[in-house]
Amino acid sequence: MPVLPAWLTDPLWDQFAALLPERPAVDPAHPLGCHRPRIGDRIVFDKLLQLLRFGCSYQAIADTTCSATTIRNRRDEWISLGVFARLKQIALESYDRIVGLVLDQIAIDGSITKAPGGGEVAGRSPVDRGKQGLKRSGMTDGYGIPLGRVLAGANRHASPLLAPTLDLLEHLGPLPDDITVRSLIRRAWTTHRWDDRPKRRP
């Protein structure tokens, strides 16, 4: 059984594949010219969907078609190329055009998660015996559609993350005159005016 129905994954893959640069199946610069062919991007893409769906480890999802190392390496390659960031922007713009984002009501909340592999922004978690962890400040629109998030070390206080999280609204185009932000970080309703920004079209 596929992790998601084909009517959902196939159009998503078509959009994702259009963002990928063309790569030869075999690297012509290889000194021996005889190494194994590159694992297909579609195979790795499907593996990443399985990871998102089941929340398991890379080792658990790896099989004879694709190793855990290949999944991680290809993921990092696509991140460095900005493919995921572009796909997210396309998804938000498409949703806004078809359904409509509710940007006059914004919710922001934070959470702490484990980061056993460390990372550039990971820090010692005060709630997990000093192990590596991340603090996430996430933002949604009025209907709960994710708009973005900011990451910091688990040992950082959540309140300084509010401003950079709100800055992510800049990438969504024209905004309403009044935006009511429900921030669970500061436990209060706050209303922000965006007078110096373009007005959101009806």
C-alpha atoms as a PDB file:
ATOM      1  CA  MET A   1       0.000   0.000   0.000  1.00  0.00           C
ATOM      2  CA  PRO A   2       1.385   3.470  -0.878  1.00  0.00           C
ATOM      3  CA  VAL A   3       1.912   5.875   1.991  1.00  0.00           C
ATOM      4  CA  LEU A   4      -0.398   8.385   0.250  1.00  0.00           C
ATOM      5  CA  PRO A   5      -2.789   7.977  -2.706  1.00  0.00           C
ATOM      6  CA  ALA A   6      -1.307   8.500  -6.174  1.00  0.00           C
ATOM      7  CA  TRP A   7      -3.762  11.308  -6.977  1.00  0.00           C
ATOM      8  CA  LEU A   8      -2.029  13.329  -4.260  1.00  0.00           C
ATOM      9  CA  THR A   9       1.617  12.276  -4.619  1.00  0.00           C
ATOM     10  CA  ASP A  10       1.862  12.355  -8.429  1.00  0.00           C
ATOM     11  CA  PRO A  11       0.979  16.062  -8.865  1.00  0.00           C
ATOM     12  CA  LEU A  12       3.180  16.878  -5.870  1.00  0.00           C
ATOM     13  CA  TRP A  13       6.080  15.006  -7.439  1.00  0.00           C
ATOM     14  CA  ASP A  14       5.533  16.744 -10.794  1.00  0.00           C
ATOM     15  CA  GLN A  15       5.817  20.128  -9.083  1.00  0.00           C
ATOM     16  CA  PHE A  16       8.796  19.027  -7.002  1.00  0.00           C
ATOM     17  CA  ALA A  17      10.639  17.526  -9.990  1.00  0.00           C
ATOM     18  CA  ALA A  18      10.257  20.784 -11.917  1.00  0.00           C
ATOM     19  CA  LEU A  19      12.366  22.492  -9.211  1.00  0.00           C
ATOM     20  CA  LEU A  20      15.226  19.983  -9.400  1.00  0.00           C
ATOM     21  CA  PRO A  21      18.276  20.574 -11.598  1.00  0.00           C
ATOM     22  CA  GLU A  22      19.033  17.980 -14.246  1.00  0.00           C
ATOM     23  CA  ARG A  23      21.624  15.445 -13.139  1.00  0.00           C
ATOM     24  CA  PRO A  24      23.185  12.569 -15.103  1.00  0.00           C
ATOM     25  CA  ALA A  25      22.467   9.067 -13.858  1.00  0.00           C
ATOM     26  CA  VAL A  26      26.232   8.448 -13.679  1.00  0.00           C
ATOM     27  CA  ASP A  27      28.757  11.137 -12.756  1.00  0.00           C
ATOM     28  CA  PRO A  28      30.959  11.697 -15.836  1.00  0.00           C
ATOM     29  CA  ALA A  29      33.724  13.143 -13.629  1.00  0.00           C
ATOM     30  CA  HIS A  30      34.174   9.921 -11.687  1.00  0.00           C
ATOM     31  CA  PRO A  31      37.844   8.845 -12.055  1.00  0.00           C
ATOM     32  CA  LEU A  32      36.925   5.252 -12.860  1.00  0.00           C
ATOM     33  CA  GLY A  33      33.696   5.943 -14.691  1.00  0.00           C
ATOM     34  CA  CYS A  34      32.185   2.788 -13.270  1.00  0.00           C
ATOM     35  CA  HIS A  35      30.494   3.653  -9.991  1.00  0.00           C
ATOM     36  CA  ARG A  36      26.889   2.742  -9.291  1.00  0.00           C
ATOM     37  CA  PRO A  37      24.155   4.845 -10.930  1.00  0.00           C
ATOM     38  CA  ARG A  38      22.588   7.614  -8.880  1.00  0.00           C
ATOM     39  CA  ILE A  39      19.444   6.550  -7.001  1.00  0.00           C
ATOM     40  CA  GLY A  40      16.417   8.062  -8.703  1.00  0.00           C
ATOM     41  CA  ASP A  41      15.056  11.269  -7.200  1.00  0.00           C
ATOM     42  CA  ARG A  42      11.503   9.878  -7.205  1.00  0.00           C
ATOM     43  CA  ILE A  43      12.577   6.963  -4.997  1.00  0.00           C
ATOM     44  CA  VAL A  44      14.124   9.326  -2.440  1.00  0.00           C
ATOM     45  CA  PHE A  45      11.115  11.638  -2.653  1.00  0.00           C
ATOM     46  CA  ASP A  46       8.762   8.760  -1.824  1.00  0.00           C
ATOM     47  CA  LYS A  47      10.993   7.753   1.092  1.00  0.00           C
ATOM     48  CA  LEU A  48      10.827  11.279   2.505  1.00  0.00           C
ATOM     49  CA  LEU A  49       7.030  11.186   2.280  1.00  0.00           C
ATOM     50  CA  GLN A  50       7.078   7.937   4.249  1.00  0.00           C
ATOM     51  CA  LEU A  51       9.262   9.559   6.906  1.00  0.00           C
ATOM     52  CA  LEU A  52       6.818  12.446   7.224  1.00  0.00           C
ATOM     53  CA  ARG A  53       3.815  10.106   7.315  1.00  0.00           C
ATOM     54  CA  PHE A  54       5.115   7.564   9.828  1.00  0.00           C
ATOM     55  CA  GLY A  55       7.578   9.664  11.849  1.00  0.00           C
ATOM     56  CA  CYS A  56      10.109   6.824  11.918  1.00  0.00           C
ATOM     57  CA  SER A  57      13.912   6.880  11.604  1.00  0.00           C
ATOM     58  CA  TYR A  58      15.841   6.847   8.341  1.00  0.00           C
ATOM     59  CA  GLN A  59      17.145   3.374   9.130  1.00  0.00           C
ATOM     60  CA  ALA A  60      13.609   2.063   9.597  1.00  0.00           C
ATOM     61  CA  ILE A  61      12.451   3.319   6.209  1.00  0.00           C
ATOM     62  CA  ALA A  62      15.572   2.305   4.244  1.00  0.00           C
ATOM     63  CA  ASP A  63      15.476  -0.865   2.116  1.00  0.00           C
ATOM     64  CA  THR A  64      17.184  -2.382  -0.935  1.00  0.00           C
ATOM     65  CA  THR A  65      16.013   0.484  -3.158  1.00  0.00           C
ATOM     66  CA  CYS A  66      17.557   3.267  -1.079  1.00  0.00           C
ATOM     67  CA  SER A  67      19.838   3.444   1.965  1.00  0.00           C
ATOM     68  CA  ALA A  68      19.405   5.745   4.953  1.00  0.00           C
ATOM     69  CA  THR A  69      22.622   7.562   4.012  1.00  0.00           C
ATOM     70  CA  THR A  70      21.316   8.274   0.510  1.00  0.00           C
ATOM     71  CA  ILE A  71      18.045   9.652   1.905  1.00  0.00           C
ATOM     72  CA  ARG A  72      19.901  11.994   4.280  1.00  0.00           C
ATOM     73  CA  ASN A  73      22.425  13.111   1.664  1.00  0.00           C
ATOM     74  CA  ARG A  74      19.768  13.832  -0.950  1.00  0.00           C
ATOM     75  CA  ARG A  75      17.672  15.671   1.651  1.00  0.00           C
ATOM     76  CA  ASP A  76      20.652  17.893   2.509  1.00  0.00           C
ATOM     77  CA  GLU A  77      21.364  18.460  -1.171  1.00  0.00           C
ATOM     78  CA  TRP A  78      17.793  19.595  -1.820  1.00  0.00           C
ATOM     79  CA  ILE A  79      17.838  21.841   1.248  1.00  0.00           C
ATOM     80  CA  SER A  80      21.045  23.533   0.073  1.00  0.00           C
ATOM     81  CA  LEU A  81      19.478  24.091  -3.360  1.00  0.00           C
ATOM     82  CA  GLY A  82      16.454  25.756  -1.726  1.00  0.00           C
ATOM     83  CA  VAL A  83      14.035  23.255  -3.268  1.00  0.00           C
ATOM     84  CA  PHE A  84      11.955  22.728  -0.118  1.00  0.00           C
ATOM     85  CA  ALA A  85      11.748  26.469   0.583  1.00  0.00           C
ATOM     86  CA  ARG A  86      10.524  27.112  -2.964  1.00  0.00           C
ATOM     87  CA  LEU A  87       8.002  24.263  -2.770  1.00  0.00           C
ATOM     88  CA  LYS A  88       6.627  25.652   0.485  1.00  0.00           C
ATOM     89  CA  GLN A  89       6.208  29.098  -1.080  1.00  0.00           C
ATOM     90  CA  ILE A  90       4.408  27.613  -4.091  1.00  0.00           C
ATOM     91  CA  ALA A  91       2.099  25.628  -1.789  1.00  0.00           C
ATOM     92  CA  LEU A  92       1.191  28.717   0.276  1.00  0.00           C
ATOM     93  CA  GLU A  93       0.593  30.850  -2.820  1.00  0.00           C
ATOM     94  CA  SER A  94      -1.579  28.146  -4.385  1.00  0.00           C
ATOM     95  CA  TYR A  95      -3.610  27.678  -1.202  1.00  0.00           C
ATOM     96  CA  ASP A  96      -4.079  31.433  -0.866  1.00  0.00           C
ATOM     97  CA  ARG A  97      -5.268  31.684  -4.471  1.00  0.00           C
ATOM     98  CA  ILE A  98      -7.666  28.724  -4.296  1.00  0.00           C
ATOM     99  CA  VAL A  99      -8.924  28.786  -0.683  1.00  0.00           C
ATOM    100  CA  GLY A 100      -7.535  31.949   0.895  1.00  0.00           C
ATOM    101  CA  LEU A 101      -5.227  32.478   3.854  1.00  0.00           C
ATOM    102  CA  VAL A 102      -6.768  34.196   6.881  1.00  0.00           C
ATOM    103  CA  LEU A 103      -3.970  36.641   7.640  1.00  0.00           C
ATOM    104  CA  ASP A 104      -5.900  39.082   9.820  1.00  0.00           C
ATOM    105  CA  GLN A 105      -5.822  36.412  12.555  1.00  0.00           C
ATOM    106  CA  ILE A 106      -2.410  34.899  13.377  1.00  0.00           C
ATOM    107  CA  ALA A 107      -1.481  32.383  16.081  1.00  0.00           C
ATOM    108  CA  ILE A 108       2.062  31.812  17.350  1.00  0.00           C
ATOM    109  CA  ASP A 109       3.209  29.177  19.812  1.00  0.00           C
ATOM    110  CA  GLY A 110       6.464  27.519  20.799  1.00  0.00           C
ATOM    111  CA  SER A 111       7.573  24.011  21.664  1.00  0.00           C
ATOM    112  CA  ILE A 112      10.715  22.110  22.604  1.00  0.00           C
ATOM    113  CA  THR A 113      11.764  19.008  20.699  1.00  0.00           C
ATOM    114  CA  LYS A 114      14.680  16.611  20.890  1.00  0.00           C
ATOM    115  CA  ALA A 115      17.683  17.083  18.597  1.00  0.00           C
ATOM    116  CA  PRO A 116      19.869  14.006  19.155  1.00  0.00           C
ATOM    117  CA  GLY A 117      21.836  14.756  16.004  1.00  0.00           C
ATOM    118  CA  GLY A 118      22.614  18.300  17.117  1.00  0.00           C
ATOM    119  CA  GLY A 119      22.556  20.939  14.415  1.00  0.00           C
ATOM    120  CA  GLU A 120      23.534  24.540  13.893  1.00  0.00           C
ATOM    121  CA  VAL A 121      20.971  25.974  16.306  1.00  0.00           C
ATOM    122  CA  ALA A 122      20.550  23.104  18.796  1.00  0.00           C
ATOM    123  CA  GLY A 123      21.223  23.767  22.477  1.00  0.00           C
ATOM    124  CA  ARG A 124      21.101  22.061  25.855  1.00  0.00           C
ATOM    125  CA  SER A 125      17.497  21.342  26.782  1.00  0.00           C
ATOM    126  CA  PRO A 126      16.523  22.467  30.307  1.00  0.00           C
ATOM    127  CA  VAL A 127      13.678  19.925  30.370  1.00  0.00           C
ATOM    128  CA  ASP A 128      15.612  16.896  29.091  1.00  0.00           C
ATOM    129  CA  ARG A 129      18.653  16.576  31.381  1.00  0.00           C
ATOM    130  CA  GLY A 130      20.768  18.895  29.266  1.00  0.00           C
ATOM    131  CA  LYS A 131      20.489  16.835  26.078  1.00  0.00           C
ATOM    132  CA  GLN A 132      20.514  18.557  22.705  1.00  0.00           C
ATOM    133  CA  GLY A 133      17.171  20.092  21.785  1.00  0.00           C
ATOM    134  CA  LEU A 134      15.417  22.693  19.628  1.00  0.00           C
ATOM    135  CA  LYS A 135      12.909  25.392  20.458  1.00  0.00           C
ATOM    136  CA  ARG A 136      10.375  25.953  17.687  1.00  0.00           C
ATOM    137  CA  SER A 137       8.318  29.097  17.286  1.00  0.00           C
ATOM    138  CA  GLY A 138       5.569  28.275  14.787  1.00  0.00           C
ATOM    139  CA  MET A 139       3.001  30.535  13.150  1.00  0.00           C
ATOM    140  CA  THR A 140      -0.379  29.681  11.580  1.00  0.00           C
ATOM    141  CA  ASP A 141      -3.172  31.645   9.969  1.00  0.00           C
ATOM    142  CA  GLY A 142      -6.692  31.904  11.393  1.00  0.00           C
ATOM    143  CA  TYR A 143      -7.589  28.426  10.111  1.00  0.00           C
ATOM    144  CA  GLY A 144      -4.434  26.769  11.433  1.00  0.00           C
ATOM    145  CA  ILE A 145      -2.552  26.621   8.124  1.00  0.00           C
ATOM    146  CA  PRO A 146       1.221  26.632   8.903  1.00  0.00           C
ATOM    147  CA  LEU A 147       2.911  29.806   7.657  1.00  0.00           C
ATOM    148  CA  GLY A 148       6.445  29.336   8.964  1.00  0.00           C
ATOM    149  CA  ARG A 149       8.633  28.707  11.971  1.00  0.00           C
ATOM    150  CA  VAL A 150      11.819  29.920  13.614  1.00  0.00           C
ATOM    151  CA  LEU A 151      14.297  27.564  15.272  1.00  0.00           C
ATOM    152  CA  ALA A 152      16.597  28.215  18.221  1.00  0.00           C
ATOM    153  CA  GLY A 153      18.430  26.230  20.860  1.00  0.00           C
ATOM    154  CA  ALA A 154      16.287  24.632  23.549  1.00  0.00           C
ATOM    155  CA  ASN A 155      18.099  26.759  26.140  1.00  0.00           C
ATOM    156  CA  ARG A 156      16.860  30.013  24.539  1.00  0.00           C
ATOM    157  CA  HIS A 157      13.928  31.923  26.006  1.00  0.00           C
ATOM    158  CA  ALA A 158      10.871  31.848  23.759  1.00  0.00           C
ATOM    159  CA  SER A 159       9.954  35.569  23.862  1.00  0.00           C
ATOM    160  CA  PRO A 160      12.845  36.829  21.628  1.00  0.00           C
ATOM    161  CA  LEU A 161      11.596  34.466  18.898  1.00  0.00           C
ATOM    162  CA  LEU A 162       8.275  36.311  18.549  1.00  0.00           C
ATOM    163  CA  ALA A 163       9.617  39.180  16.404  1.00  0.00           C
ATOM    164  CA  PRO A 164      11.542  37.019  13.881  1.00  0.00           C
ATOM    165  CA  THR A 165       8.522  34.720  13.631  1.00  0.00           C
ATOM    166  CA  LEU A 166       6.279  37.675  12.742  1.00  0.00           C
ATOM    167  CA  ASP A 167       8.885  38.799  10.187  1.00  0.00           C
ATOM    168  CA  LEU A 168       8.040  35.679   8.173  1.00  0.00           C
ATOM    169  CA  LEU A 169       4.790  37.422   7.171  1.00  0.00           C
ATOM    170  CA  GLU A 170       6.867  39.617   4.836  1.00  0.00           C
ATOM    171  CA  HIS A 171       7.149  36.701   2.405  1.00  0.00           C
ATOM    172  CA  LEU A 172       3.364  36.363   2.046  1.00  0.00           C
ATOM    173  CA  GLY A 173       2.833  39.490  -0.007  1.00  0.00           C
ATOM    174  CA  PRO A 174       0.301  42.280   0.714  1.00  0.00           C
ATOM    175  CA  LEU A 175      -1.122  42.054   4.237  1.00  0.00           C
ATOM    176  CA  PRO A 176      -4.294  43.325   5.950  1.00  0.00           C
ATOM    177  CA  ASP A 177      -4.237  46.717   7.671  1.00  0.00           C
ATOM    178  CA  ASP A 178      -4.874  45.145  11.071  1.00  0.00           C
ATOM    179  CA  ILE A 179      -3.453  41.809  12.171  1.00  0.00           C
ATOM    180  CA  THR A 180      -4.507  40.313  15.481  1.00  0.00           C
ATOM    181  CA  VAL A 181      -1.762  38.060  16.788  1.00  0.00           C
ATOM    182  CA  ARG A 182      -2.507  35.464  19.428  1.00  0.00           C
ATOM    183  CA  SER A 183       0.866  34.687  20.927  1.00  0.00           C
ATOM    184  CA  LEU A 184       0.872  31.894  23.484  1.00  0.00           C
ATOM    185  CA  ILE A 185       4.486  32.827  24.186  1.00  0.00           C
ATOM    186  CA  ARG A 186       3.413  36.059  25.876  1.00  0.00           C
ATOM    187  CA  ARG A 187      -0.063  34.837  26.863  1.00  0.00           C
ATOM    188  CA  ALA A 188      -1.861  37.885  25.499  1.00  0.00           C
ATOM    189  CA  TRP A 189      -3.774  39.189  22.496  1.00  0.00           C
ATOM    190  CA  THR A 190      -1.865  41.867  20.598  1.00  0.00           C
ATOM    191  CA  THR A 191      -2.976  43.858  17.568  1.00  0.00           C
ATOM    192  CA  HIS A 192      -0.350  44.914  15.042  1.00  0.00           C
ATOM    193  CA  ARG A 193      -0.843  47.531  12.343  1.00  0.00           C
ATOM    194  CA  TRP A 194       1.096  47.260   9.127  1.00  0.00           C
ATOM    195  CA  ASP A 195       0.634  50.812   7.827  1.00  0.00           C
ATOM    196  CA  ASP A 196       3.941  50.897   5.975  1.00  0.00           C
ATOM    197  CA  ARG A 197       3.259  47.680   4.055  1.00  0.00           C
ATOM    198  CA  PRO A 198       1.280  47.036   0.865  1.00  0.00           C
ATOM    199  CA  LYS A 199      -2.432  46.485   1.359  1.00  0.00           C
ATOM    200  CA  ARG A 200      -3.765  42.981   0.780  1.00  0.00           C
ATOM    201  CA  ARG A 201      -5.901  42.740  -2.338  1.00  0.00           C
ATOM    202  CA  PRO A 202      -9.539  41.546  -1.827  1.00  0.00           C
END
